[in-house]
Amino acid sequence: MSKTGIFMADGCEEIEGLAVVDILRRADLEIEMISVSETTSVTGSHGITFLADTVFCDVSFDEFDAVVLPGGMPGTLNLGGHAGVNSVIQDFAKKGKLVAAICAAPSVLGAAGILEGRRAVCHPGFEEKLTGAFVLEENVVTDKNIITSRGMGTAIDFALAIVKYFKNEEAVNDLKKKLVYR
């Protein structure tokens, strides 16, 4: 079974993070919430405090097949300023492991140099930060091992794209029925 880590930073967009966790768990995919601070307590951009499963310094990323970066402000800045997060996403991209980011967080991928020649999307206004990418205006874009999405309103589609990446369209359609989604 694949294992996904989702980086949770103070100031993240709660829906973009927690919807992904919820949907991947409903799809029977293992996902671990990883706080990038020294505590498992994370406060999102709208003042909602929740607990991550673990903290960055306690994680062995060799056990993971994917990482996810939720957006939000200043969460995206906190992820982009974290040397460990940058190292992990560059390593995963190079190894062909899945790297997924939503809203403003694809800008972290752009700054890390892993969008060069890739198709990608982001929250409107961050397009110039997708260095080297072919910027599109779709809700979600999968380009090999990179998945990007536009924002909170596309969080379910983003999570379903991750499910499809690890499972298949049938699993996505089954999940959509259970969620009463479209």
Protein backbone atom coordinates (compact mmCIF):
# COMPACT_ATOMS: atom_id res chain seq x y z
CA MET A 1 0.00 0.00 0.00
CA SER A 2 1.19 3.50 -0.78
CA LYS A 3 1.90 5.95 2.03
CA THR A 4 1.39 9.70 1.69
CA GLY A 5 2.63 12.46 3.95
CA ILE A 6 0.85 15.80 4.06
CA PHE A 7 2.84 18.76 5.36
CA MET A 8 0.84 20.85 7.83
CA ALA A 9 2.16 24.34 8.56
CA ASP A 10 0.66 27.03 10.74
CA GLY A 11 -1.40 29.23 8.44
CA CYS A 12 -2.38 26.44 6.05
CA GLU A 13 -5.79 26.44 4.40
CA GLU A 14 -7.64 23.95 6.60
CA ILE A 15 -9.97 22.58 3.90
CA GLU A 16 -7.11 21.98 1.46
CA GLY A 17 -5.27 19.92 4.04
CA LEU A 18 -8.00 18.13 5.95
CA ALA A 19 -10.20 17.31 2.93
CA VAL A 20 -7.23 15.51 1.37
CA VAL A 21 -6.60 13.56 4.59
CA ASP A 22 -10.28 12.63 4.88
CA ILE A 23 -10.71 11.52 1.27
CA LEU A 24 -7.48 9.50 1.12
CA ARG A 25 -8.45 7.70 4.32
CA ARG A 26 -11.94 6.99 2.91
CA ALA A 27 -10.16 5.47 -0.12
CA ASP A 28 -8.14 3.22 2.24
CA LEU A 29 -4.90 5.00 1.41
CA GLU A 30 -2.47 5.62 4.24
CA ILE A 31 -1.86 9.31 4.89
CA GLU A 32 0.07 10.86 7.74
CA MET A 33 -0.27 14.50 8.77
CA ILE A 34 3.22 15.91 9.35
CA SER A 35 3.60 19.16 11.27
CA VAL A 36 6.54 21.21 10.04
CA SER A 37 6.90 22.88 13.44
CA GLU A 38 8.16 21.36 16.69
CA THR A 39 4.67 20.44 17.89
CA THR A 40 1.78 18.43 16.48
CA SER A 41 -0.58 21.35 17.14
CA VAL A 42 -1.29 23.28 13.92
CA THR A 43 -3.42 26.42 13.58
CA GLY A 44 -4.76 27.03 10.11
CA SER A 45 -5.25 30.33 8.34
CA HIS A 46 -8.81 30.64 9.68
CA GLY A 47 -7.93 30.01 13.31
CA ILE A 48 -8.89 26.34 13.38
CA THR A 49 -6.45 24.35 15.50
CA PHE A 50 -5.98 20.62 14.89
CA LEU A 51 -3.41 17.95 15.68
CA ALA A 52 -1.05 16.43 13.14
CA ASP A 53 -0.01 12.79 13.52
CA THR A 54 3.68 13.56 13.92
CA VAL A 55 6.36 16.23 13.50
CA PHE A 56 8.78 16.59 10.59
CA CYS A 57 11.94 15.75 12.55
CA ASP A 58 10.49 12.36 13.57
CA VAL A 59 9.68 11.16 10.03
CA SER A 60 11.66 8.77 7.84
CA PHE A 61 10.64 9.82 4.35
CA ASP A 62 12.01 6.59 2.84
CA GLU A 63 8.71 5.01 3.96
CA PHE A 64 6.61 7.43 1.88
CA ASP A 65 5.48 7.29 -1.76
CA ALA A 66 4.01 10.81 -1.91
CA VAL A 67 3.92 14.19 -0.22
CA VAL A 68 1.18 16.83 -0.34
CA LEU A 69 1.46 20.58 0.26
CA PRO A 70 -1.74 22.43 1.18
CA GLY A 71 -1.87 26.14 0.40
CA GLY A 72 -3.11 29.03 2.46
CA MET A 73 -1.30 32.00 3.88
CA PRO A 74 1.03 32.17 5.61
CA GLY A 75 1.12 28.37 5.47
CA THR A 76 2.59 28.33 1.96
CA LEU A 77 5.33 30.72 3.05
CA ASN A 78 6.04 28.50 6.07
CA LEU A 79 6.36 25.45 3.81
CA GLY A 80 8.54 27.30 1.31
CA GLY A 81 10.81 28.55 4.08
CA HIS A 82 11.32 25.08 5.54
CA ALA A 83 14.61 23.62 4.31
CA GLY A 84 13.49 20.07 5.08
CA VAL A 85 10.28 20.38 3.06
CA ASN A 86 12.25 21.73 0.10
CA SER A 87 14.74 18.89 0.33
CA VAL A 88 11.99 16.25 0.47
CA ILE A 89 10.01 17.61 -2.49
CA GLN A 90 13.14 17.87 -4.63
CA ASP A 91 14.18 14.32 -3.69
CA PHE A 92 10.70 12.91 -4.33
CA ALA A 93 10.38 14.67 -7.69
CA LYS A 94 13.80 13.39 -8.76
CA LYS A 95 12.91 9.82 -7.73
CA GLY A 96 9.55 9.92 -9.54
CA LYS A 97 7.53 9.84 -6.33
CA LEU A 98 4.31 11.84 -6.22
CA VAL A 99 4.51 15.51 -5.21
CA ALA A 100 1.14 17.27 -4.98
CA ALA A 101 0.35 20.91 -4.14
CA ILE A 102 -2.78 23.03 -4.09
CA CYS A 103 -3.65 26.75 -4.15
CA ALA A 104 -0.57 28.88 -3.44
CA ALA A 105 1.60 25.85 -2.58
CA PRO A 106 2.54 25.04 -6.21
CA SER A 107 4.68 28.18 -5.89
CA VAL A 108 6.88 26.19 -3.49
CA LEU A 109 7.34 23.59 -6.24
CA GLY A 110 8.20 26.36 -8.71
CA ALA A 111 10.78 27.86 -6.36
CA ALA A 112 12.28 24.39 -5.85
CA GLY A 113 12.77 24.02 -9.61
CA ILE A 114 10.60 20.95 -10.05
CA LEU A 115 7.97 22.41 -12.41
CA GLU A 116 10.38 23.01 -15.29
CA GLY A 117 8.63 21.86 -18.49
CA ARG A 118 5.60 20.59 -16.56
CA ARG A 119 1.95 21.55 -16.86
CA ALA A 120 0.69 23.08 -13.60
CA VAL A 121 -1.99 25.25 -12.01
CA CYS A 122 -2.23 27.41 -8.91
CA HIS A 123 -4.39 29.98 -7.16
CA PRO A 124 -4.95 33.03 -9.40
CA GLY A 125 -2.19 35.56 -8.83
CA PHE A 126 0.58 33.02 -8.22
CA GLU A 127 1.14 32.02 -11.85
CA GLU A 128 4.48 33.86 -12.15
CA LYS A 129 5.80 31.77 -9.25
CA LEU A 130 5.41 28.51 -11.20
CA THR A 131 8.91 28.87 -12.60
CA GLY A 132 9.39 26.93 -15.82
CA ALA A 133 5.84 25.53 -15.92
CA PHE A 134 3.23 25.62 -18.65
CA VAL A 135 0.50 27.32 -16.61
CA LEU A 136 -3.07 26.19 -17.25
CA GLU A 137 -6.45 27.20 -15.80
CA GLU A 138 -7.93 23.77 -15.07
CA ASN A 139 -9.07 22.73 -11.59
CA VAL A 140 -6.46 19.98 -11.26
CA VAL A 141 -3.53 18.99 -13.45
CA THR A 142 -1.61 15.73 -13.25
CA ASP A 143 1.71 15.76 -15.11
CA LYS A 144 3.47 12.46 -14.49
CA ASN A 145 4.36 12.50 -10.76
CA ILE A 146 3.28 16.11 -10.11
CA ILE A 147 -0.32 17.04 -9.24
CA THR A 148 -1.34 20.68 -8.79
CA SER A 149 -4.68 22.31 -8.09
CA ARG A 150 -6.12 25.83 -7.91
CA GLY A 151 -7.61 26.33 -4.45
CA MET A 152 -10.03 25.50 -1.68
CA GLY A 153 -12.93 25.05 -4.12
CA THR A 154 -10.98 22.34 -5.95
CA ALA A 155 -9.84 20.42 -2.84
CA ILE A 156 -12.12 17.43 -3.42
CA ASP A 157 -11.07 17.14 -7.08
CA PHE A 158 -7.43 17.43 -5.94
CA ALA A 159 -7.82 14.63 -3.41
CA LEU A 160 -9.63 12.45 -5.97
CA ALA A 161 -6.75 12.98 -8.42
CA ILE A 162 -4.39 11.60 -5.75
CA VAL A 163 -6.71 8.61 -5.24
CA LYS A 164 -6.74 8.02 -9.02
CA TYR A 165 -2.92 8.25 -9.12
CA PHE A 166 -2.60 5.40 -6.60
CA LYS A 167 -5.71 3.41 -7.49
CA ASN A 168 -7.84 3.90 -10.62
CA GLU A 169 -10.88 5.65 -12.07
CA GLU A 170 -13.19 2.95 -10.72
CA ALA A 171 -12.03 3.65 -7.16
CA VAL A 172 -12.62 7.37 -7.75
CA ASN A 173 -16.13 6.78 -9.11
CA ASP A 174 -16.98 4.52 -6.16
CA LEU A 175 -15.75 7.17 -3.75
CA LYS A 176 -17.73 9.90 -5.54
CA LYS A 177 -20.92 7.87 -5.03
CA LYS A 178 -20.20 7.46 -1.33
CA LEU A 179 -19.47 11.18 -1.01
CA VAL A 180 -22.56 12.10 -3.08
CA TYR A 181 -20.18 14.13 -5.22
CA ARG A 182 -21.30 15.04 -8.75
